[in-house]
PDB file of N, CA and C in Angstrom:
ATOM      1  N   UNK A   1     -51.400  -5.190  26.867  1.00  0.00           N
ATOM      2  CA  UNK A   1     -52.692  -5.813  26.993  1.00  0.00           C
ATOM      3  C   UNK A   1     -53.460  -5.132  28.124  1.00  0.00           C
ATOM      4  N   UNK A   2     -54.720  -4.986  27.902  1.00  0.00           N
ATOM      5  CA  UNK A   2     -55.568  -4.329  28.889  1.00  0.00           C
ATOM      6  C   UNK A   2     -56.678  -5.286  29.299  1.00  0.00           C
ATOM      7  N   UNK A   3     -56.710  -5.579  30.590  1.00  0.00           N
ATOM      8  CA  UNK A   3     -57.686  -6.531  31.111  1.00  0.00           C
ATOM      9  C   UNK A   3     -59.130  -6.126  30.813  1.00  0.00           C
ATOM     10  N   UNK A   4     -59.512  -4.843  30.967  1.00  0.00           N
ATOM     11  CA  UNK A   4     -60.912  -4.490  30.645  1.00  0.00           C
ATOM     12  C   UNK A   4     -61.265  -4.764  29.180  1.00  0.00           C
ATOM     13  N   UNK A   5     -60.324  -4.556  28.287  1.00  0.00           N
ATOM     14  CA  UNK A   5     -60.586  -4.818  26.866  1.00  0.00           C
ATOM     15  C   UNK A   5     -60.727  -6.315  26.634  1.00  0.00           C
ATOM     16  N   UNK A   6     -59.836  -7.099  27.233  1.00  0.00           N
ATOM     17  CA  UNK A   6     -59.906  -8.556  27.078  1.00  0.00           C
ATOM     18  C   UNK A   6     -61.214  -9.083  27.669  1.00  0.00           C
ATOM     19  N   UNK A   7     -61.594  -8.552  28.809  1.00  0.00           N
ATOM     20  CA  UNK A   7     -62.852  -8.964  29.448  1.00  0.00           C
ATOM     21  C   UNK A   7     -64.043  -8.652  28.545  1.00  0.00           C
ATOM     22  N   UNK A   8     -64.044  -7.457  27.955  1.00  0.00           N
ATOM     23  CA  UNK A   8     -65.135  -7.059  27.059  1.00  0.00           C
ATOM     24  C   UNK A   8     -65.168  -7.957  25.820  1.00  0.00           C
ATOM     25  N   UNK A   9     -64.011  -8.222  25.245  1.00  0.00           N
ATOM     26  CA  UNK A   9     -63.957  -9.079  24.060  1.00  0.00           C
ATOM     27  C   UNK A   9     -64.373 -10.509  24.385  1.00  0.00           C
ATOM     28  N   UNK A  10     -64.010 -10.981  25.573  1.00  0.00           N
ATOM     29  CA  UNK A  10     -64.425 -12.321  25.991  1.00  0.00           C
ATOM     30  C   UNK A  10     -65.946 -12.393  26.082  1.00  0.00           C
ATOM     31  N   UNK A  11     -66.561 -11.351  26.623  1.00  0.00           N
ATOM     32  CA  UNK A  11     -68.016 -11.300  26.685  1.00  0.00           C
ATOM     33  C   UNK A  11     -68.619 -11.265  25.280  1.00  0.00           C
ATOM     34  N   UNK A  12     -67.976 -10.520  24.386  1.00  0.00           N
ATOM     35  CA  UNK A  12     -68.446 -10.466  22.995  1.00  0.00           C
ATOM     36  C   UNK A  12     -68.424 -11.867  22.383  1.00  0.00           C
ATOM     37  N   UNK A  13     -67.352 -12.610  22.629  1.00  0.00           N
ATOM     38  CA  UNK A  13     -67.250 -13.974  22.091  1.00  0.00           C
ATOM     39  C   UNK A  13     -68.366 -14.843  22.654  1.00  0.00           C
ATOM     40  N   UNK A  14     -68.627 -14.714  23.956  1.00  0.00           N
ATOM     41  CA  UNK A  14     -69.692 -15.508  24.578  1.00  0.00           C
ATOM     42  C   UNK A  14     -71.055 -15.154  23.999  1.00  0.00           C
ATOM     43  N   UNK A  15     -71.279 -13.871  23.740  1.00  0.00           N
ATOM     44  CA  UNK A  15     -72.577 -13.415  23.227  1.00  0.00           C
ATOM     45  C   UNK A  15     -72.761 -13.712  21.747  1.00  0.00           C
ATOM     46  N   UNK A  16     -71.671 -13.783  21.019  1.00  0.00           N
ATOM     47  CA  UNK A  16     -71.745 -13.955  19.574  1.00  0.00           C
ATOM     48  C   UNK A  16     -71.032 -15.230  19.161  1.00  0.00           C
ATOM     49  N   UNK A  17     -69.832 -15.079  18.653  1.00  0.00           N
ATOM     50  CA  UNK A  17     -69.074 -16.229  18.185  1.00  0.00           C
ATOM     51  C   UNK A  17     -67.623 -15.796  18.045  1.00  0.00           C
ATOM     52  N   UNK A  18     -66.706 -16.695  18.334  1.00  0.00           N
ATOM     53  CA  UNK A  18     -65.293 -16.344  18.222  1.00  0.00           C
ATOM     54  C   UNK A  18     -64.858 -16.119  16.774  1.00  0.00           C
ATOM     55  N   UNK A  19     -65.646 -16.581  15.820  1.00  0.00           N
ATOM     56  CA  UNK A  19     -65.291 -16.387  14.407  1.00  0.00           C
ATOM     57  C   UNK A  19     -65.191 -14.908  14.046  1.00  0.00           C
ATOM     58  N   UNK A  20     -66.000 -14.061  14.686  1.00  0.00           N
ATOM     59  CA  UNK A  20     -65.913 -12.619  14.424  1.00  0.00           C
ATOM     60  C   UNK A  20     -64.526 -12.092  14.802  1.00  0.00           C
ATOM     61  N   UNK A  21     -64.032 -12.542  15.934  1.00  0.00           N
ATOM     62  CA  UNK A  21     -62.713 -12.093  16.397  1.00  0.00           C
ATOM     63  C   UNK A  21     -61.627 -12.639  15.482  1.00  0.00           C
ATOM     64  N   UNK A  22     -61.737 -13.892  15.108  1.00  0.00           N
ATOM     65  CA  UNK A  22     -60.731 -14.508  14.233  1.00  0.00           C
ATOM     66  C   UNK A  22     -60.666 -13.788  12.896  1.00  0.00           C
ATOM     67  N   UNK A  23     -61.820 -13.486  12.325  1.00  0.00           N
ATOM     68  CA  UNK A  23     -61.846 -12.780  11.039  1.00  0.00           C
ATOM     69  C   UNK A  23     -61.308 -11.356  11.180  1.00  0.00           C
ATOM     70  N   UNK A  24     -61.612 -10.700  12.283  1.00  0.00           N
ATOM     71  CA  UNK A  24     -61.096  -9.353  12.523  1.00  0.00           C
ATOM     72  C   UNK A  24     -59.583  -9.394  12.666  1.00  0.00           C
ATOM     73  N   UNK A  25     -59.074 -10.419  13.337  1.00  0.00           N
ATOM     74  CA  UNK A  25     -57.627 -10.574  13.466  1.00  0.00           C
ATOM     75  C   UNK A  25     -56.962 -10.714  12.098  1.00  0.00           C
ATOM     76  N   UNK A  26     -57.585 -11.469  11.221  1.00  0.00           N
ATOM     77  CA  UNK A  26     -57.034 -11.637   9.867  1.00  0.00           C
ATOM     78  C   UNK A  26     -56.944 -10.290   9.151  1.00  0.00           C
ATOM     79  N   UNK A  27     -57.979  -9.467   9.308  1.00  0.00           N
ATOM     80  CA  UNK A  27     -57.983  -8.145   8.670  1.00  0.00           C
ATOM     81  C   UNK A  27     -56.903  -7.258   9.277  1.00  0.00           C
ATOM     82  N   UNK A  28     -56.823  -7.218  10.603  1.00  0.00           N
ATOM     83  CA  UNK A  28     -55.825  -6.371  11.261  1.00  0.00           C
ATOM     84  C   UNK A  28     -54.405  -6.819  10.913  1.00  0.00           C
ATOM     85  N   UNK A  29     -54.184  -8.121  10.878  1.00  0.00           N
ATOM     86  CA  UNK A  29     -52.858  -8.615  10.517  1.00  0.00           C
ATOM     87  C   UNK A  29     -52.513  -8.248   9.079  1.00  0.00           C
ATOM     88  N   UNK A  30     -53.495  -8.270   8.196  1.00  0.00           N
ATOM     89  CA  UNK A  30     -53.255  -7.864   6.807  1.00  0.00           C
ATOM     90  C   UNK A  30     -52.916  -6.374   6.736  1.00  0.00           C
ATOM     91  N   UNK A  31     -53.547  -5.580   7.585  1.00  0.00           N
ATOM     92  CA  UNK A  31     -53.264  -4.138   7.592  1.00  0.00           C
ATOM     93  C   UNK A  31     -51.818  -3.830   7.992  1.00  0.00           C
ATOM     94  N   UNK A  32     -51.235  -4.685   8.817  1.00  0.00           N
ATOM     95  CA  UNK A  32     -49.857  -4.425   9.252  1.00  0.00           C
ATOM     96  C   UNK A  32     -48.859  -4.535   8.102  1.00  0.00           C
ATOM     97  N   UNK A  33     -49.298  -5.058   6.988  1.00  0.00           N
ATOM     98  CA  UNK A  33     -48.430  -5.197   5.811  1.00  0.00           C
ATOM     99  C   UNK A  33     -48.307  -3.896   5.008  1.00  0.00           C
ATOM    100  N   UNK A  34     -49.124  -2.911   5.320  1.00  0.00           N
ATOM    101  CA  UNK A  34     -49.095  -1.646   4.572  1.00  0.00           C
ATOM    102  C   UNK A  34     -47.804  -0.902   4.919  1.00  0.00           C
ATOM    103  N   UNK A  35     -46.955  -0.685   3.938  1.00  0.00           N
ATOM    104  CA  UNK A  35     -45.654  -0.067   4.229  1.00  0.00           C
ATOM    105  C   UNK A  35     -45.740   1.389   4.683  1.00  0.00           C
ATOM    106  N   UNK A  36     -46.798   2.087   4.355  1.00  0.00           N
ATOM    107  CA  UNK A  36     -46.883   3.512   4.685  1.00  0.00           C
ATOM    108  C   UNK A  36     -47.431   3.777   6.090  1.00  0.00           C
ATOM    109  N   UNK A  37     -47.759   2.738   6.839  1.00  0.00           N
ATOM    110  CA  UNK A  37     -48.276   2.952   8.191  1.00  0.00           C
ATOM    111  C   UNK A  37     -47.181   3.517   9.093  1.00  0.00           C
ATOM    112  N   UNK A  38     -47.588   4.435   9.943  1.00  0.00           N
ATOM    113  CA  UNK A  38     -46.659   5.021  10.907  1.00  0.00           C
ATOM    114  C   UNK A  38     -46.482   4.065  12.087  1.00  0.00           C
ATOM    115  N   UNK A  39     -45.400   4.267  12.812  1.00  0.00           N
ATOM    116  CA  UNK A  39     -45.101   3.422  13.968  1.00  0.00           C
ATOM    117  C   UNK A  39     -46.241   3.451  14.992  1.00  0.00           C
ATOM    118  N   UNK A  40     -46.805   4.636  15.232  1.00  0.00           N
ATOM    119  CA  UNK A  40     -47.901   4.751  16.199  1.00  0.00           C
ATOM    120  C   UNK A  40     -49.128   3.949  15.749  1.00  0.00           C
ATOM    121  N   UNK A  41     -49.393   3.967  14.457  1.00  0.00           N
ATOM    122  CA  UNK A  41     -50.535   3.221  13.922  1.00  0.00           C
ATOM    123  C   UNK A  41     -50.311   1.720  14.078  1.00  0.00           C
ATOM    124  N   UNK A  42     -49.094   1.282  13.811  1.00  0.00           N
ATOM    125  CA  UNK A  42     -48.767  -0.130  13.991  1.00  0.00           C
ATOM    126  C   UNK A  42     -48.882  -0.534  15.458  1.00  0.00           C
ATOM    127  N   UNK A  43     -48.488   0.367  16.356  1.00  0.00           N
ATOM    128  CA  UNK A  43     -48.603   0.078  17.786  1.00  0.00           C
ATOM    129  C   UNK A  43     -50.065  -0.133  18.192  1.00  0.00           C
ATOM    130  N   UNK A  44     -50.948   0.706  17.683  1.00  0.00           N
ATOM    131  CA  UNK A  44     -52.381   0.586  18.004  1.00  0.00           C
ATOM    132  C   UNK A  44     -52.933  -0.725  17.454  1.00  0.00           C
ATOM    133  N   UNK A  45     -52.603  -1.033  16.216  1.00  0.00           N
ATOM    134  CA  UNK A  45     -53.070  -2.289  15.612  1.00  0.00           C
ATOM    135  C   UNK A  45     -52.517  -3.471  16.397  1.00  0.00           C
ATOM    136  N   UNK A  46     -51.248  -3.393  16.775  1.00  0.00           N
ATOM    137  CA  UNK A  46     -50.634  -4.471  17.551  1.00  0.00           C
ATOM    138  C   UNK A  46     -51.309  -4.668  18.891  1.00  0.00           C
ATOM    139  N   UNK A  47     -51.670  -3.581  19.535  1.00  0.00           N
ATOM    140  CA  UNK A  47     -52.364  -3.665  20.827  1.00  0.00           C
ATOM    141  C   UNK A  47     -53.737  -4.320  20.654  1.00  0.00           C
ATOM    142  N   UNK A  48     -54.441  -3.955  19.603  1.00  0.00           N
ATOM    143  CA  UNK A  48     -55.743  -4.585  19.324  1.00  0.00           C
ATOM    144  C   UNK A  48     -55.575  -6.082  19.075  1.00  0.00           C
ATOM    145  N   UNK A  49     -54.575  -6.429  18.290  1.00  0.00           N
ATOM    146  CA  UNK A  49     -54.329  -7.834  17.972  1.00  0.00           C
ATOM    147  C   UNK A  49     -54.026  -8.622  19.247  1.00  0.00           C
ATOM    148  N   UNK A  50     -53.146  -8.089  20.098  1.00  0.00           N
ATOM    149  CA  UNK A  50     -52.804  -8.845  21.305  1.00  0.00           C
ATOM    150  C   UNK A  50     -53.987  -8.983  22.251  1.00  0.00           C
ATOM    151  N   UNK A  51     -54.822  -7.959  22.355  1.00  0.00           N
ATOM    152  CA  UNK A  51     -56.012  -8.071  23.191  1.00  0.00           C
ATOM    153  C   UNK A  51     -56.987  -9.114  22.644  1.00  0.00           C
ATOM    154  N   UNK A  52     -57.119  -9.174  21.336  1.00  0.00           N
ATOM    155  CA  UNK A  52     -58.022 -10.157  20.732  1.00  0.00           C
ATOM    156  C   UNK A  52     -57.508 -11.578  20.925  1.00  0.00           C
ATOM    157  N   UNK A  53     -56.199 -11.775  20.744  1.00  0.00           N
ATOM    158  CA  UNK A  53     -55.644 -13.105  20.995  1.00  0.00           C
ATOM    159  C   UNK A  53     -55.788 -13.469  22.465  1.00  0.00           C
ATOM    160  N   UNK A  54     -55.637 -12.494  23.337  1.00  0.00           N
ATOM    161  CA  UNK A  54     -55.834 -12.734  24.763  1.00  0.00           C
ATOM    162  C   UNK A  54     -57.255 -13.174  25.062  1.00  0.00           C
ATOM    163  N   UNK A  55     -58.220 -12.507  24.450  1.00  0.00           N
ATOM    164  CA  UNK A  55     -59.627 -12.876  24.662  1.00  0.00           C
ATOM    165  C   UNK A  55     -59.911 -14.282  24.150  1.00  0.00           C
ATOM    166  N   UNK A  56     -59.316 -14.644  23.031  1.00  0.00           N
ATOM    167  CA  UNK A  56     -59.489 -16.009  22.517  1.00  0.00           C
ATOM    168  C   UNK A  56     -58.908 -17.031  23.489  1.00  0.00           C
ATOM    169  N   UNK A  57     -57.769 -16.706  24.067  1.00  0.00           N
ATOM    170  CA  UNK A  57     -57.136 -17.606  25.036  1.00  0.00           C
ATOM    171  C   UNK A  57     -58.000 -17.743  26.292  1.00  0.00           C
ATOM    172  N   UNK A  58     -58.524 -16.628  26.795  1.00  0.00           N
ATOM    173  CA  UNK A  58     -59.400 -16.666  27.977  1.00  0.00           C
ATOM    174  C   UNK A  58     -60.657 -17.470  27.657  1.00  0.00           C
ATOM    175  N   UNK A  59     -61.225 -17.255  26.489  1.00  0.00           N
ATOM    176  CA  UNK A  59     -62.422 -17.998  26.085  1.00  0.00           C
ATOM    177  C   UNK A  59     -62.140 -19.502  26.050  1.00  0.00           C
ATOM    178  N   UNK A  60     -60.964 -19.870  25.571  1.00  0.00           N
ATOM    179  CA  UNK A  60     -60.571 -21.280  25.527  1.00  0.00           C
ATOM    180  C   UNK A  60     -60.526 -21.867  26.939  1.00  0.00           C
ATOM    181  N   UNK A  61     -59.959 -21.116  27.888  1.00  0.00           N
ATOM    182  CA  UNK A  61     -59.897 -21.590  29.273  1.00  0.00           C
ATOM    183  C   UNK A  61     -61.296 -21.750  29.861  1.00  0.00           C
ATOM    184  N   UNK A  62     -62.196 -20.826  29.526  1.00  0.00           N
ATOM    185  CA  UNK A  62     -63.575 -20.906  30.017  1.00  0.00           C
ATOM    186  C   UNK A  62     -64.256 -22.146  29.447  1.00  0.00           C
ATOM    187  N   UNK A  63     -64.030 -22.414  28.161  1.00  0.00           N
ATOM    188  CA  UNK A  63     -64.614 -23.607  27.539  1.00  0.00           C
ATOM    189  C   UNK A  63     -64.077 -24.884  28.176  1.00  0.00           C
ATOM    190  N   UNK A  64     -62.841 -24.809  28.698  1.00  0.00           N
ATOM    191  CA  UNK A  64     -62.246 -25.975  29.352  1.00  0.00           C
ATOM    192  C   UNK A  64     -62.723 -26.132  30.788  1.00  0.00           C
ATOM    193  N   UNK A  65     -63.575 -25.194  31.273  1.00  0.00           N
ATOM    194  CA  UNK A  65     -64.195 -25.362  32.568  1.00  0.00           C
ATOM    195  C   UNK A  65     -63.830 -24.350  33.637  1.00  0.00           C
ATOM    196  N   UNK A  66     -62.932 -23.416  33.344  1.00  0.00           N
ATOM    197  CA  UNK A  66     -62.590 -22.409  34.346  1.00  0.00           C
ATOM    198  C   UNK A  66     -63.676 -21.347  34.419  1.00  0.00           C
ATOM    199  N   UNK A  67     -63.843 -20.780  35.609  1.00  0.00           N
ATOM    200  CA  UNK A  67     -64.721 -19.632  35.771  1.00  0.00           C
ATOM    201  C   UNK A  67     -64.092 -18.450  35.036  1.00  0.00           C
ATOM    202  N   UNK A  68     -64.928 -17.534  34.561  1.00  0.00           N
ATOM    203  CA  UNK A  68     -64.423 -16.403  33.783  1.00  0.00           C
ATOM    204  C   UNK A  68     -63.391 -15.590  34.566  1.00  0.00           C
ATOM    205  N   UNK A  69     -63.700 -15.263  35.805  1.00  0.00           N
ATOM    206  CA  UNK A  69     -62.788 -14.454  36.618  1.00  0.00           C
ATOM    207  C   UNK A  69     -61.450 -15.162  36.804  1.00  0.00           C
ATOM    208  N   UNK A  70     -61.504 -16.455  37.077  1.00  0.00           N
ATOM    209  CA  UNK A  70     -60.280 -17.238  37.256  1.00  0.00           C
ATOM    210  C   UNK A  70     -59.475 -17.301  35.959  1.00  0.00           C
ATOM    211  N   UNK A  71     -60.158 -17.486  34.833  1.00  0.00           N
ATOM    212  CA  UNK A  71     -59.482 -17.542  33.541  1.00  0.00           C
ATOM    213  C   UNK A  71     -58.797 -16.213  33.227  1.00  0.00           C
ATOM    214  N   UNK A  72     -59.490 -15.108  33.483  1.00  0.00           N
ATOM    215  CA  UNK A  72     -58.900 -13.785  33.252  1.00  0.00           C
ATOM    216  C   UNK A  72     -57.686 -13.569  34.144  1.00  0.00           C
ATOM    217  N   UNK A  73     -57.797 -13.921  35.419  1.00  0.00           N
ATOM    218  CA  UNK A  73     -56.678 -13.746  36.341  1.00  0.00           C
ATOM    219  C   UNK A  73     -55.494 -14.626  35.964  1.00  0.00           C
ATOM    220  N   UNK A  74     -55.763 -15.884  35.627  1.00  0.00           N
ATOM    221  CA  UNK A  74     -54.684 -16.793  35.233  1.00  0.00           C
ATOM    222  C   UNK A  74     -53.971 -16.297  33.976  1.00  0.00           C
ATOM    223  N   UNK A  75     -54.758 -15.793  33.032  1.00  0.00           N
ATOM    224  CA  UNK A  75     -54.158 -15.291  31.797  1.00  0.00           C
ATOM    225  C   UNK A  75     -53.252 -14.093  32.084  1.00  0.00           C
ATOM    226  N   UNK A  76     -53.736 -13.154  32.885  1.00  0.00           N
ATOM    227  CA  UNK A  76     -52.935 -11.964  33.182  1.00  0.00           C
ATOM    228  C   UNK A  76     -51.687 -12.328  33.986  1.00  0.00           C
ATOM    229  N   UNK A  77     -51.793 -13.280  34.901  1.00  0.00           N
ATOM    230  CA  UNK A  77     -50.609 -13.735  35.642  1.00  0.00           C
ATOM    231  C   UNK A  77     -49.578 -14.315  34.685  1.00  0.00           C
ATOM    232  N   UNK A  78     -50.050 -15.093  33.723  1.00  0.00           N
ATOM    233  CA  UNK A  78     -49.139 -15.693  32.736  1.00  0.00           C
ATOM    234  C   UNK A  78     -48.461 -14.604  31.906  1.00  0.00           C
ATOM    235  N   UNK A  79     -49.228 -13.598  31.501  1.00  0.00           N
ATOM    236  CA  UNK A  79     -48.666 -12.501  30.706  1.00  0.00           C
ATOM    237  C   UNK A  79     -47.640 -11.739  31.527  1.00  0.00           C
ATOM    238  N   UNK A  80     -47.999 -11.385  32.752  1.00  0.00           N
ATOM    239  CA  UNK A  80     -47.075 -10.632  33.601  1.00  0.00           C
ATOM    240  C   UNK A  80     -45.835 -11.463  33.929  1.00  0.00           C
ATOM    241  N   UNK A  81     -46.012 -12.763  34.106  1.00  0.00           N
ATOM    242  CA  UNK A  81     -44.876 -13.646  34.358  1.00  0.00           C
ATOM    243  C   UNK A  81     -43.918 -13.706  33.196  1.00  0.00           C
ATOM    244  N   UNK A  82     -44.459 -13.688  31.990  1.00  0.00           N
ATOM    245  CA  UNK A  82     -43.581 -13.725  30.818  1.00  0.00           C
ATOM    246  C   UNK A  82     -42.866 -12.393  30.599  1.00  0.00           C
ATOM    247  N   UNK A  83     -43.456 -11.303  31.057  1.00  0.00           N
ATOM    248  CA  UNK A  83     -42.812  -9.991  30.952  1.00  0.00           C
ATOM    249  C   UNK A  83     -41.651  -9.895  31.931  1.00  0.00           C
ATOM    250  N   UNK A  84     -41.823 -10.473  33.121  1.00  0.00           N
ATOM    251  CA  UNK A  84     -40.805 -10.413  34.154  1.00  0.00           C
ATOM    252  C   UNK A  84     -39.547 -11.198  33.788  1.00  0.00           C
ATOM    253  N   UNK A  85     -39.684 -12.184  32.907  1.00  0.00           N
ATOM    254  CA  UNK A  85     -38.540 -13.039  32.564  1.00  0.00           C
ATOM    255  C   UNK A  85     -37.593 -12.370  31.612  1.00  0.00           C
TER     256      UNK A  85
END
């Protein structure tokens, strides 16, 4: 996951609508079903998917009242904490 990408996607959600991200996720997840995809291609799609889910999670925290910067930091701490375990 890349914080600048999540931050950009979070701004996109604020400017537009989270439905665009949700629909894009559905398309990307469907693409992962293609048996002829190479491992590198799946890795790129997976990275996009995780960044989009991250942005949705940050957006949810913002809607619940957190400041954007705090929501981004809390999300990344949670991600890094789960990696350390």
